[in-house]
Amino acid sequence: MYIIAGLGNPGDKYARTRHNMGFRVVDKLADDLNVDITKAKFKSLIGECRIGTHKVLLVKPQTYMNLSGDALREVANFYKIPSENIIIIYDDIDIPLGSIRIRKFGGPGTHNGMRSIVSQLGTTEFPRIRTGVGSGGGSLVDHVIGKVSKYENTILDETAAKAAKAAQDIIEVGIDKAMNLNNTTKKKD
């Protein structure tokens, strides 16, 4: 069994912001797999599906970004899912807009949602898909939760589609092959 968790903040105010790329990817995956993510459980919205032969929980923590780990810990503990089967998807300002990076493990960097998850799971040994939102050059807060242009929203939708495919690839063909198939490089913003 796997968890694919997208990080974001609940509510319409944050719905199409850069910081909600995790939610956007999980929503795209749910659309592709014809799954509803409406079950409220473990401080999250959850949908169940299959990818290949594996049962998968699509998870959108509703705790706000900085407490994402609280929700993920509850889901993982209840279903006894090992950390290597928990795929976290989130926005990353250190990756150029439109790029994605799959990593097998690693520290949380400056991302508060990832800090919460590492703290609550007690490990950095879980796969993640980082979606590039660029750095913007101004205020970090304004960049990640501020208004996104129509042009950039198009790019973020394309990025979400790439990341949704990458999450399926991790489960279907393994993380090493998924990294080779999906990790993209673009010029820095």
N, C-alpha and C. Protein backbone atom coordinates (compact mmCIF):
# COMPACT_ATOMS: atom_id res chain seq x y z
N MET A 1 0.84 -1.18 0.00
CA MET A 1 0.00 0.00 0.00
C MET A 1 0.89 1.24 0.00
N TYR A 2 0.40 2.28 -0.67
CA TYR A 2 1.14 3.54 -0.78
C TYR A 2 0.27 4.71 -0.33
N ILE A 3 0.93 5.76 0.10
CA ILE A 3 0.30 7.06 0.29
C ILE A 3 0.95 8.00 -0.72
N ILE A 4 0.12 8.75 -1.44
CA ILE A 4 0.60 9.88 -2.22
C ILE A 4 -0.04 11.11 -1.58
N ALA A 5 0.79 11.92 -0.95
CA ALA A 5 0.29 13.10 -0.23
C ALA A 5 0.77 14.36 -0.91
N GLY A 6 -0.16 15.24 -1.21
CA GLY A 6 0.18 16.54 -1.76
C GLY A 6 0.03 17.59 -0.67
N LEU A 7 1.03 18.45 -0.55
CA LEU A 7 0.99 19.48 0.50
C LEU A 7 0.36 20.76 -0.03
N GLY A 8 -0.37 21.42 0.86
CA GLY A 8 -1.01 22.68 0.52
C GLY A 8 -1.74 23.23 1.72
N ASN A 9 -2.45 24.30 1.50
CA ASN A 9 -3.28 24.93 2.53
C ASN A 9 -4.73 24.82 2.10
N PRO A 10 -5.63 24.47 3.04
CA PRO A 10 -7.04 24.36 2.68
C PRO A 10 -7.66 25.74 2.46
N GLY A 11 -8.74 25.75 1.70
CA GLY A 11 -9.50 26.98 1.51
C GLY A 11 -9.28 27.62 0.15
N ASP A 12 -10.31 28.34 -0.30
CA ASP A 12 -10.28 28.98 -1.61
C ASP A 12 -9.18 30.03 -1.72
N LYS A 13 -8.85 30.68 -0.63
CA LYS A 13 -7.82 31.73 -0.64
C LYS A 13 -6.49 31.22 -1.20
N TYR A 14 -6.19 29.95 -0.94
CA TYR A 14 -4.89 29.39 -1.33
C TYR A 14 -4.97 28.47 -2.55
N ALA A 15 -6.16 28.21 -3.05
CA ALA A 15 -6.40 27.13 -4.02
C ALA A 15 -5.45 27.13 -5.22
N ARG A 16 -5.20 28.23 -5.85
CA ARG A 16 -4.38 28.24 -7.07
C ARG A 16 -3.05 28.95 -6.85
N THR A 17 -2.55 28.90 -5.61
CA THR A 17 -1.25 29.52 -5.32
C THR A 17 -0.12 28.52 -5.58
N ARG A 18 1.09 29.04 -5.64
CA ARG A 18 2.27 28.19 -5.87
C ARG A 18 2.45 27.21 -4.70
N HIS A 19 2.11 27.66 -3.49
CA HIS A 19 2.32 26.84 -2.30
C HIS A 19 1.38 25.63 -2.28
N ASN A 20 0.35 25.63 -3.11
CA ASN A 20 -0.59 24.51 -3.15
C ASN A 20 -0.33 23.56 -4.30
N MET A 21 0.88 23.54 -4.82
CA MET A 21 1.19 22.63 -5.92
C MET A 21 0.97 21.17 -5.54
N GLY A 22 1.22 20.80 -4.31
CA GLY A 22 0.97 19.43 -3.88
C GLY A 22 -0.49 19.06 -4.04
N PHE A 23 -1.39 19.95 -3.60
CA PHE A 23 -2.83 19.72 -3.77
C PHE A 23 -3.16 19.63 -5.26
N ARG A 24 -2.60 20.53 -6.05
CA ARG A 24 -2.90 20.57 -7.49
C ARG A 24 -2.51 19.26 -8.16
N VAL A 25 -1.35 18.71 -7.77
CA VAL A 25 -0.89 17.44 -8.35
C VAL A 25 -1.82 16.29 -7.93
N VAL A 26 -2.16 16.23 -6.67
CA VAL A 26 -3.04 15.15 -6.20
C VAL A 26 -4.42 15.27 -6.86
N ASP A 27 -4.90 16.49 -7.04
CA ASP A 27 -6.18 16.68 -7.74
C ASP A 27 -6.08 16.20 -9.19
N LYS A 28 -4.97 16.47 -9.86
CA LYS A 28 -4.77 16.01 -11.23
C LYS A 28 -4.74 14.48 -11.27
N LEU A 29 -4.02 13.89 -10.32
CA LEU A 29 -3.96 12.43 -10.23
C LEU A 29 -5.35 11.84 -10.00
N ALA A 30 -6.12 12.47 -9.12
CA ALA A 30 -7.49 12.00 -8.85
C ALA A 30 -8.34 12.09 -10.11
N ASP A 31 -8.20 13.17 -10.87
CA ASP A 31 -8.94 13.29 -12.13
C ASP A 31 -8.53 12.19 -13.10
N ASP A 32 -7.22 11.96 -13.24
CA ASP A 32 -6.72 10.94 -14.15
C ASP A 32 -7.21 9.54 -13.78
N LEU A 33 -7.34 9.29 -12.48
CA LEU A 33 -7.71 7.95 -12.00
C LEU A 33 -9.20 7.84 -11.65
N ASN A 34 -9.95 8.92 -11.87
CA ASN A 34 -11.37 8.97 -11.59
C ASN A 34 -11.67 8.63 -10.12
N VAL A 35 -11.01 9.38 -9.22
CA VAL A 35 -11.13 9.16 -7.78
C VAL A 35 -11.64 10.44 -7.12
N ASP A 36 -12.53 10.30 -6.16
CA ASP A 36 -12.96 11.44 -5.35
C ASP A 36 -12.10 11.53 -4.11
N ILE A 37 -11.62 12.72 -3.82
CA ILE A 37 -10.85 12.94 -2.59
C ILE A 37 -11.73 13.78 -1.66
N THR A 38 -12.72 13.11 -1.08
CA THR A 38 -13.72 13.83 -0.29
C THR A 38 -13.90 13.26 1.12
N LYS A 39 -13.31 12.11 1.38
CA LYS A 39 -13.46 11.48 2.70
C LYS A 39 -12.60 12.23 3.71
N ALA A 40 -13.24 12.79 4.74
CA ALA A 40 -12.51 13.52 5.78
C ALA A 40 -12.10 12.54 6.87
N LYS A 41 -10.78 12.35 7.01
CA LYS A 41 -10.26 11.40 7.99
C LYS A 41 -8.80 11.76 8.26
N PHE A 42 -8.33 11.58 9.46
CA PHE A 42 -6.93 11.83 9.83
C PHE A 42 -6.51 13.27 9.53
N LYS A 43 -7.38 14.24 9.81
CA LYS A 43 -7.07 15.65 9.54
C LYS A 43 -6.74 15.88 8.06
N SER A 44 -7.34 15.09 7.19
CA SER A 44 -7.04 15.13 5.75
C SER A 44 -8.29 14.86 4.95
N LEU A 45 -8.19 15.15 3.66
CA LEU A 45 -9.15 14.64 2.68
C LEU A 45 -8.46 13.48 1.98
N ILE A 46 -9.18 12.36 1.85
CA ILE A 46 -8.56 11.14 1.36
C ILE A 46 -9.42 10.52 0.25
N GLY A 47 -8.74 9.93 -0.72
CA GLY A 47 -9.39 9.13 -1.76
C GLY A 47 -8.61 7.85 -1.92
N GLU A 48 -9.28 6.75 -2.19
CA GLU A 48 -8.63 5.45 -2.37
C GLU A 48 -8.70 5.03 -3.83
N CYS A 49 -7.62 4.42 -4.31
CA CYS A 49 -7.59 3.95 -5.69
C CYS A 49 -6.55 2.84 -5.81
N ARG A 50 -6.36 2.41 -7.05
CA ARG A 50 -5.30 1.45 -7.36
C ARG A 50 -4.44 2.04 -8.46
N ILE A 51 -3.14 1.84 -8.31
CA ILE A 51 -2.19 2.16 -9.37
C ILE A 51 -1.45 0.85 -9.63
N GLY A 52 -1.64 0.31 -10.82
CA GLY A 52 -1.11 -1.03 -11.09
C GLY A 52 -1.80 -2.00 -10.16
N THR A 53 -1.02 -2.78 -9.44
CA THR A 53 -1.58 -3.76 -8.51
C THR A 53 -1.62 -3.25 -7.07
N HIS A 54 -1.25 -2.00 -6.87
CA HIS A 54 -1.11 -1.46 -5.51
C HIS A 54 -2.29 -0.60 -5.10
N LYS A 55 -2.72 -0.79 -3.86
CA LYS A 55 -3.72 0.10 -3.27
C LYS A 55 -3.01 1.40 -2.91
N VAL A 56 -3.65 2.54 -3.20
CA VAL A 56 -3.05 3.84 -2.97
C VAL A 56 -4.05 4.76 -2.29
N LEU A 57 -3.57 5.50 -1.29
CA LEU A 57 -4.37 6.55 -0.66
C LEU A 57 -3.86 7.89 -1.18
N LEU A 58 -4.75 8.67 -1.77
CA LEU A 58 -4.42 10.04 -2.14
C LEU A 58 -4.80 10.91 -0.96
N VAL A 59 -3.86 11.72 -0.47
CA VAL A 59 -4.06 12.45 0.77
C VAL A 59 -3.76 13.93 0.58
N LYS A 60 -4.69 14.77 1.07
CA LYS A 60 -4.50 16.22 1.11
C LYS A 60 -4.68 16.68 2.56
N PRO A 61 -3.58 16.83 3.31
CA PRO A 61 -3.69 17.26 4.71
C PRO A 61 -4.45 18.59 4.81
N GLN A 62 -5.32 18.71 5.79
CA GLN A 62 -6.11 19.92 5.98
C GLN A 62 -5.67 20.71 7.20
N THR A 63 -4.44 20.48 7.63
CA THR A 63 -3.90 21.08 8.85
C THR A 63 -3.20 22.42 8.60
N TYR A 64 -3.17 22.89 7.38
CA TYR A 64 -2.32 23.98 6.92
C TYR A 64 -0.90 23.44 6.82
N MET A 65 -0.16 24.06 5.93
CA MET A 65 1.16 23.57 5.52
C MET A 65 2.08 23.22 6.70
N ASN A 66 2.20 24.14 7.65
CA ASN A 66 3.20 23.98 8.70
C ASN A 66 2.94 22.83 9.66
N LEU A 67 1.76 22.23 9.58
CA LEU A 67 1.43 21.08 10.44
C LEU A 67 1.11 19.83 9.62
N SER A 68 1.55 19.79 8.39
CA SER A 68 1.26 18.66 7.49
C SER A 68 1.68 17.32 8.10
N GLY A 69 2.76 17.31 8.84
CA GLY A 69 3.26 16.07 9.44
C GLY A 69 2.29 15.44 10.41
N ASP A 70 1.49 16.27 11.11
CA ASP A 70 0.50 15.72 12.05
C ASP A 70 -0.48 14.80 11.32
N ALA A 71 -0.97 15.27 10.19
CA ALA A 71 -1.92 14.47 9.41
C ALA A 71 -1.26 13.23 8.82
N LEU A 72 -0.07 13.39 8.24
CA LEU A 72 0.62 12.26 7.60
C LEU A 72 0.98 11.17 8.60
N ARG A 73 1.41 11.56 9.78
CA ARG A 73 1.74 10.59 10.82
C ARG A 73 0.51 9.75 11.16
N GLU A 74 -0.66 10.39 11.31
CA GLU A 74 -1.89 9.66 11.64
C GLU A 74 -2.24 8.64 10.56
N VAL A 75 -2.19 9.05 9.31
CA VAL A 75 -2.53 8.14 8.20
C VAL A 75 -1.53 6.98 8.14
N ALA A 76 -0.25 7.31 8.17
CA ALA A 76 0.80 6.28 8.06
C ALA A 76 0.74 5.29 9.22
N ASN A 77 0.52 5.78 10.43
CA ASN A 77 0.44 4.89 11.59
C ASN A 77 -0.79 4.00 11.53
N PHE A 78 -1.93 4.56 11.14
CA PHE A 78 -3.16 3.77 11.09
C PHE A 78 -3.04 2.61 10.10
N TYR A 79 -2.51 2.90 8.91
CA TYR A 79 -2.39 1.87 7.87
C TYR A 79 -1.06 1.11 7.92
N LYS A 80 -0.19 1.48 8.86
CA LYS A 80 1.12 0.84 9.02
C LYS A 80 1.92 0.84 7.70
N ILE A 81 1.98 2.01 7.08
CA ILE A 81 2.66 2.16 5.80
C ILE A 81 4.12 2.56 6.05
N PRO A 82 5.06 1.79 5.52
CA PRO A 82 6.48 2.13 5.71
C PRO A 82 6.83 3.43 4.99
N SER A 83 7.81 4.13 5.52
CA SER A 83 8.15 5.45 4.98
C SER A 83 8.53 5.41 3.50
N GLU A 84 9.13 4.32 3.05
CA GLU A 84 9.52 4.24 1.63
C GLU A 84 8.30 4.16 0.70
N ASN A 85 7.10 3.95 1.26
CA ASN A 85 5.86 3.91 0.46
C ASN A 85 5.02 5.17 0.66
N ILE A 86 5.62 6.21 1.22
CA ILE A 86 4.93 7.49 1.40
C ILE A 86 5.58 8.49 0.44
N ILE A 87 4.83 8.90 -0.57
CA ILE A 87 5.33 9.84 -1.58
C ILE A 87 4.75 11.22 -1.27
N ILE A 88 5.62 12.19 -1.02
CA ILE A 88 5.20 13.54 -0.69
C ILE A 88 5.44 14.44 -1.90
N ILE A 89 4.45 15.26 -2.24
CA ILE A 89 4.56 16.18 -3.38
C ILE A 89 4.38 17.60 -2.86
N TYR A 90 5.31 18.48 -3.23
CA TYR A 90 5.25 19.85 -2.72
C TYR A 90 5.96 20.82 -3.66
N ASP A 91 5.70 22.11 -3.40
CA ASP A 91 6.31 23.18 -4.17
C ASP A 91 7.74 23.42 -3.69
N ASP A 92 8.60 23.85 -4.61
CA ASP A 92 9.99 24.13 -4.25
C ASP A 92 10.47 25.38 -4.98
N ILE A 93 10.84 26.39 -4.21
CA ILE A 93 11.31 27.66 -4.79
C ILE A 93 12.72 27.55 -5.36
N ASP A 94 13.44 26.50 -5.01
CA ASP A 94 14.82 26.33 -5.48
C ASP A 94 14.89 25.59 -6.82
N ILE A 95 13.74 25.25 -7.37
CA ILE A 95 13.68 24.56 -8.66
C ILE A 95 12.98 25.49 -9.64
N PRO A 96 13.52 25.62 -10.83
CA PRO A 96 12.92 26.53 -11.81
C PRO A 96 11.46 26.18 -12.12
N LEU A 97 10.68 27.21 -12.37
CA LEU A 97 9.29 27.07 -12.74
C LEU A 97 9.14 26.05 -13.86
N GLY A 98 8.25 25.08 -13.66
CA GLY A 98 7.96 24.09 -14.69
C GLY A 98 8.74 22.81 -14.59
N SER A 99 9.75 22.76 -13.74
CA SER A 99 10.56 21.55 -13.58
C SER A 99 10.05 20.72 -12.41
N ILE A 100 10.34 19.42 -12.45
CA ILE A 100 10.08 18.57 -11.29
C ILE A 100 11.35 17.78 -10.97
N ARG A 101 11.48 17.39 -9.72
CA ARG A 101 12.59 16.56 -9.28
C ARG A 101 12.06 15.49 -8.34
N ILE A 102 12.37 14.26 -8.65
CA ILE A 102 12.06 13.15 -7.74
C ILE A 102 13.33 12.87 -6.95
N ARG A 103 13.18 12.69 -5.65
CA ARG A 103 14.30 12.28 -4.79
C ARG A 103 13.84 11.11 -3.93
N LYS A 104 14.77 10.19 -3.67
CA LYS A 104 14.46 9.02 -2.83
C LYS A 104 14.32 9.41 -1.36
N PHE A 105 15.10 10.37 -0.93
CA PHE A 105 15.13 10.79 0.46
C PHE A 105 15.87 12.11 0.54
N GLY A 106 15.93 12.67 1.73
CA GLY A 106 16.68 13.91 1.91
C GLY A 106 16.05 14.78 2.98
N GLY A 107 16.77 15.81 3.33
CA GLY A 107 16.29 16.73 4.35
C GLY A 107 15.15 17.60 3.85
N PRO A 108 14.54 18.36 4.75
CA PRO A 108 13.39 19.18 4.39
C PRO A 108 13.75 20.50 3.72
N GLY A 109 15.02 20.89 3.76
CA GLY A 109 15.39 22.20 3.23
C GLY A 109 14.68 23.29 4.01
N THR A 110 14.23 24.32 3.31
CA THR A 110 13.57 25.45 3.98
C THR A 110 12.05 25.33 3.98
N HIS A 111 11.52 24.20 3.51
CA HIS A 111 10.08 24.03 3.38
C HIS A 111 9.46 23.61 4.71
N ASN A 112 8.60 24.46 5.26
CA ASN A 112 8.03 24.19 6.58
C ASN A 112 7.12 22.97 6.61
N GLY A 113 6.41 22.70 5.53
CA GLY A 113 5.59 21.49 5.48
C GLY A 113 6.45 20.24 5.56
N MET A 114 7.57 20.25 4.84
CA MET A 114 8.48 19.10 4.88
C MET A 114 9.16 18.99 6.24
N ARG A 115 9.47 20.11 6.86
CA ARG A 115 10.05 20.05 8.22
C ARG A 115 9.08 19.35 9.17
N SER A 116 7.81 19.68 9.06
CA SER A 116 6.79 19.06 9.90
C SER A 116 6.70 17.55 9.64
N ILE A 117 6.75 17.16 8.38
CA ILE A 117 6.65 15.74 8.04
C ILE A 117 7.87 14.98 8.55
N VAL A 118 9.06 15.50 8.32
CA VAL A 118 10.28 14.85 8.81
C VAL A 118 10.23 14.71 10.33
N SER A 119 9.78 15.76 11.01
CA SER A 119 9.69 15.74 12.47
C SER A 119 8.68 14.69 12.94
N GLN A 120 7.51 14.65 12.32
CA GLN A 120 6.45 13.73 12.77
C GLN A 120 6.69 12.28 12.37
N LEU A 121 7.28 12.06 11.19
CA LEU A 121 7.56 10.68 10.77
C LEU A 121 8.87 10.17 11.39
N GLY A 122 9.72 11.10 11.83
CA GLY A 122 10.97 10.71 12.46
C GLY A 122 12.00 10.16 11.48
N THR A 123 11.87 10.52 10.20
CA THR A 123 12.80 10.04 9.18
C THR A 123 12.81 10.98 7.99
N THR A 124 13.89 10.92 7.23
CA THR A 124 13.98 11.61 5.94
C THR A 124 13.94 10.59 4.80
N GLU A 125 13.72 9.32 5.16
CA GLU A 125 13.79 8.21 4.20
C GLU A 125 12.42 7.95 3.56
N PHE A 126 11.96 8.90 2.78
CA PHE A 126 10.72 8.72 2.01
C PHE A 126 10.87 9.48 0.70
N PRO A 127 10.27 8.96 -0.38
CA PRO A 127 10.38 9.63 -1.68
C PRO A 127 9.56 10.91 -1.71
N ARG A 128 10.02 11.83 -2.56
CA ARG A 128 9.30 13.08 -2.71
C ARG A 128 9.42 13.57 -4.14
N ILE A 129 8.41 14.31 -4.55
CA ILE A 129 8.40 14.97 -5.86
C ILE A 129 8.33 16.46 -5.59
N ARG A 130 9.38 17.14 -5.99
CA ARG A 130 9.46 18.59 -5.80
C ARG A 130 9.04 19.27 -7.10
N THR A 131 8.06 20.16 -7.01
CA THR A 131 7.57 20.86 -8.19
C THR A 131 8.12 22.28 -8.18
N GLY A 132 8.77 22.65 -9.26
CA GLY A 132 9.41 23.96 -9.34
C GLY A 132 8.44 25.10 -9.50
N VAL A 133 8.54 26.07 -8.60
CA VAL A 133 7.73 27.28 -8.68
C VAL A 133 8.61 28.53 -8.81
N GLY A 134 9.93 28.33 -8.90
CA GLY A 134 10.85 29.47 -9.01
C GLY A 134 10.86 30.29 -7.74
N SER A 135 11.75 31.25 -7.69
CA SER A 135 11.92 32.05 -6.47
C SER A 135 11.25 33.41 -6.52
N GLY A 136 10.93 33.90 -7.68
CA GLY A 136 10.19 35.15 -7.78
C GLY A 136 10.99 36.43 -7.59
N GLY A 137 12.00 36.42 -6.76
CA GLY A 137 12.84 37.58 -6.58
C GLY A 137 12.38 38.59 -5.54
N GLY A 138 11.12 38.55 -5.11
CA GLY A 138 10.63 39.49 -4.11
C GLY A 138 10.44 38.80 -2.77
N SER A 139 9.37 39.16 -2.09
CA SER A 139 9.01 38.56 -0.81
C SER A 139 8.65 37.09 -1.01
N LEU A 140 9.23 36.21 -0.21
CA LEU A 140 8.96 34.78 -0.32
C LEU A 140 7.48 34.49 -0.06
N VAL A 141 6.91 35.08 0.98
CA VAL A 141 5.51 34.85 1.32
C VAL A 141 4.61 35.29 0.17
N ASP A 142 4.85 36.49 -0.36
CA ASP A 142 4.05 36.97 -1.49
C ASP A 142 4.17 36.05 -2.69
N HIS A 143 5.37 35.52 -2.90
CA HIS A 143 5.59 34.64 -4.05
C HIS A 143 4.82 33.32 -3.91
N VAL A 144 4.91 32.68 -2.74
CA VAL A 144 4.31 31.34 -2.63
C VAL A 144 2.80 31.35 -2.41
N ILE A 145 2.27 32.39 -1.77
CA ILE A 145 0.81 32.40 -1.57
C ILE A 145 0.13 33.57 -2.28
N GLY A 146 0.88 34.28 -3.11
CA GLY A 146 0.31 35.41 -3.84
C GLY A 146 -0.37 34.99 -5.13
N LYS A 147 -0.93 35.97 -5.79
CA LYS A 147 -1.65 35.77 -7.06
C LYS A 147 -0.68 35.26 -8.13
N VAL A 148 -1.19 34.35 -8.96
CA VAL A 148 -0.41 33.75 -10.05
C VAL A 148 -1.01 34.21 -11.37
N SER A 149 -0.16 34.62 -12.29
CA SER A 149 -0.65 35.08 -13.60
C SER A 149 -1.27 33.92 -14.39
N LYS A 150 -2.10 34.26 -15.36
CA LYS A 150 -2.73 33.26 -16.21
C LYS A 150 -1.65 32.43 -16.93
N TYR A 151 -0.62 33.11 -17.43
CA TYR A 151 0.48 32.42 -18.11
C TYR A 151 1.16 31.41 -17.18
N GLU A 152 1.48 31.86 -15.96
CA GLU A 152 2.16 30.97 -15.03
C GLU A 152 1.24 29.83 -14.58
N ASN A 153 -0.06 30.10 -14.43
CA ASN A 153 -0.99 29.03 -14.07
C ASN A 153 -0.99 27.92 -15.11
N THR A 154 -0.85 28.29 -16.37
CA THR A 154 -0.77 27.29 -17.43
C THR A 154 0.46 26.40 -17.23
N ILE A 155 1.58 27.03 -16.92
CA ILE A 155 2.81 26.27 -16.67
C ILE A 155 2.65 25.38 -15.43
N LEU A 156 2.04 25.92 -14.38
CA LEU A 156 1.85 25.13 -13.16
C LEU A 156 0.91 23.94 -13.40
N ASP A 157 -0.10 24.12 -14.25
CA ASP A 157 -0.98 22.99 -14.60
C ASP A 157 -0.19 21.91 -15.35
N GLU A 158 0.69 22.33 -16.27
CA GLU A 158 1.54 21.37 -17.00
C GLU A 158 2.48 20.66 -16.04
N THR A 159 3.02 21.40 -15.08
CA THR A 159 3.91 20.82 -14.07
C THR A 159 3.16 19.80 -13.22
N ALA A 160 1.93 20.13 -12.85
CA ALA A 160 1.10 19.20 -12.06
C ALA A 160 0.86 17.91 -12.82
N ALA A 161 0.63 18.01 -14.13
CA ALA A 161 0.42 16.81 -14.94
C ALA A 161 1.68 15.95 -14.98
N LYS A 162 2.84 16.60 -15.12
CA LYS A 162 4.12 15.85 -15.12
C LYS A 162 4.34 15.17 -13.77
N ALA A 163 4.06 15.88 -12.69
CA ALA A 163 4.28 15.32 -11.36
C ALA A 163 3.29 14.18 -11.06
N ALA A 164 2.06 14.30 -11.55
CA ALA A 164 1.08 13.22 -11.36
C ALA A 164 1.55 11.95 -12.06
N LYS A 165 2.06 12.10 -13.28
CA LYS A 165 2.61 10.95 -14.01
C LYS A 165 3.80 10.37 -13.25
N ALA A 166 4.66 11.24 -12.73
CA ALA A 166 5.84 10.79 -11.99
C ALA A 166 5.45 9.97 -10.76
N ALA A 167 4.40 10.39 -10.05
CA ALA A 167 3.95 9.65 -8.87
C ALA A 167 3.49 8.25 -9.27
N GLN A 168 2.76 8.15 -10.37
CA GLN A 168 2.34 6.83 -10.85
C GLN A 168 3.54 5.99 -11.25
N ASP A 169 4.51 6.62 -11.90
CA ASP A 169 5.72 5.90 -12.31
C ASP A 169 6.49 5.34 -11.12
N ILE A 170 6.58 6.10 -10.03
CA ILE A 170 7.29 5.61 -8.85
C ILE A 170 6.69 4.29 -8.39
N ILE A 171 5.37 4.21 -8.40
CA ILE A 171 4.68 3.00 -7.95
C ILE A 171 4.77 1.88 -8.99
N GLU A 172 4.61 2.22 -10.26
CA GLU A 172 4.55 1.19 -11.30
C GLU A 172 5.90 0.65 -11.74
N VAL A 173 6.94 1.51 -11.83
CA VAL A 173 8.23 1.05 -12.37
C VAL A 173 9.38 1.21 -11.38
N GLY A 174 9.12 1.74 -10.19
CA GLY A 174 10.16 1.93 -9.19
C GLY A 174 10.76 3.32 -9.27
N ILE A 175 11.33 3.75 -8.15
CA ILE A 175 11.78 5.13 -8.06
C ILE A 175 12.99 5.42 -8.96
N ASP A 176 13.91 4.47 -9.09
CA ASP A 176 15.09 4.74 -9.93
C ASP A 176 14.70 5.01 -11.37
N LYS A 177 13.86 4.15 -11.92
CA LYS A 177 13.42 4.35 -13.30
C LYS A 177 12.56 5.61 -13.41
N ALA A 178 11.72 5.85 -12.41
CA ALA A 178 10.88 7.05 -12.41
C ALA A 178 11.73 8.32 -12.42
N MET A 179 12.84 8.30 -11.68
CA MET A 179 13.74 9.46 -11.68
C MET A 179 14.32 9.68 -13.08
N ASN A 180 14.75 8.61 -13.72
CA ASN A 180 15.31 8.72 -15.08
C ASN A 180 14.27 9.21 -16.08
N LEU A 181 13.03 8.79 -15.93
CA LEU A 181 11.98 9.17 -16.87
C LEU A 181 11.46 10.59 -16.66
N ASN A 182 11.49 11.07 -15.42
CA ASN A 182 10.74 12.29 -15.10
C ASN A 182 11.54 13.49 -14.63
N ASN A 183 12.71 13.29 -14.06
CA ASN A 183 13.43 14.47 -13.56
C ASN A 183 13.77 15.38 -14.74
N THR A 184 13.37 16.64 -14.61
CA THR A 184 13.56 17.60 -15.69
C THR A 184 14.51 18.70 -15.27
N THR A 185 15.14 19.29 -16.24
CA THR A 185 15.98 20.44 -15.96
C THR A 185 15.57 21.57 -16.89
N LYS A 186 15.45 22.73 -16.32
CA LYS A 186 15.18 23.94 -17.07
C LYS A 186 16.15 24.99 -16.59
N LYS A 187 16.34 25.98 -17.39
CA LYS A 187 17.20 27.09 -16.98
C LYS A 187 16.60 27.78 -15.78
N LYS A 188 17.45 28.27 -14.89
CA LYS A 188 17.01 29.00 -13.70
C LYS A 188 16.17 30.20 -14.12
N ASP A 189 15.15 30.53 -13.34
CA ASP A 189 14.29 31.69 -13.63
C ASP A 189 15.14 32.94 -13.88
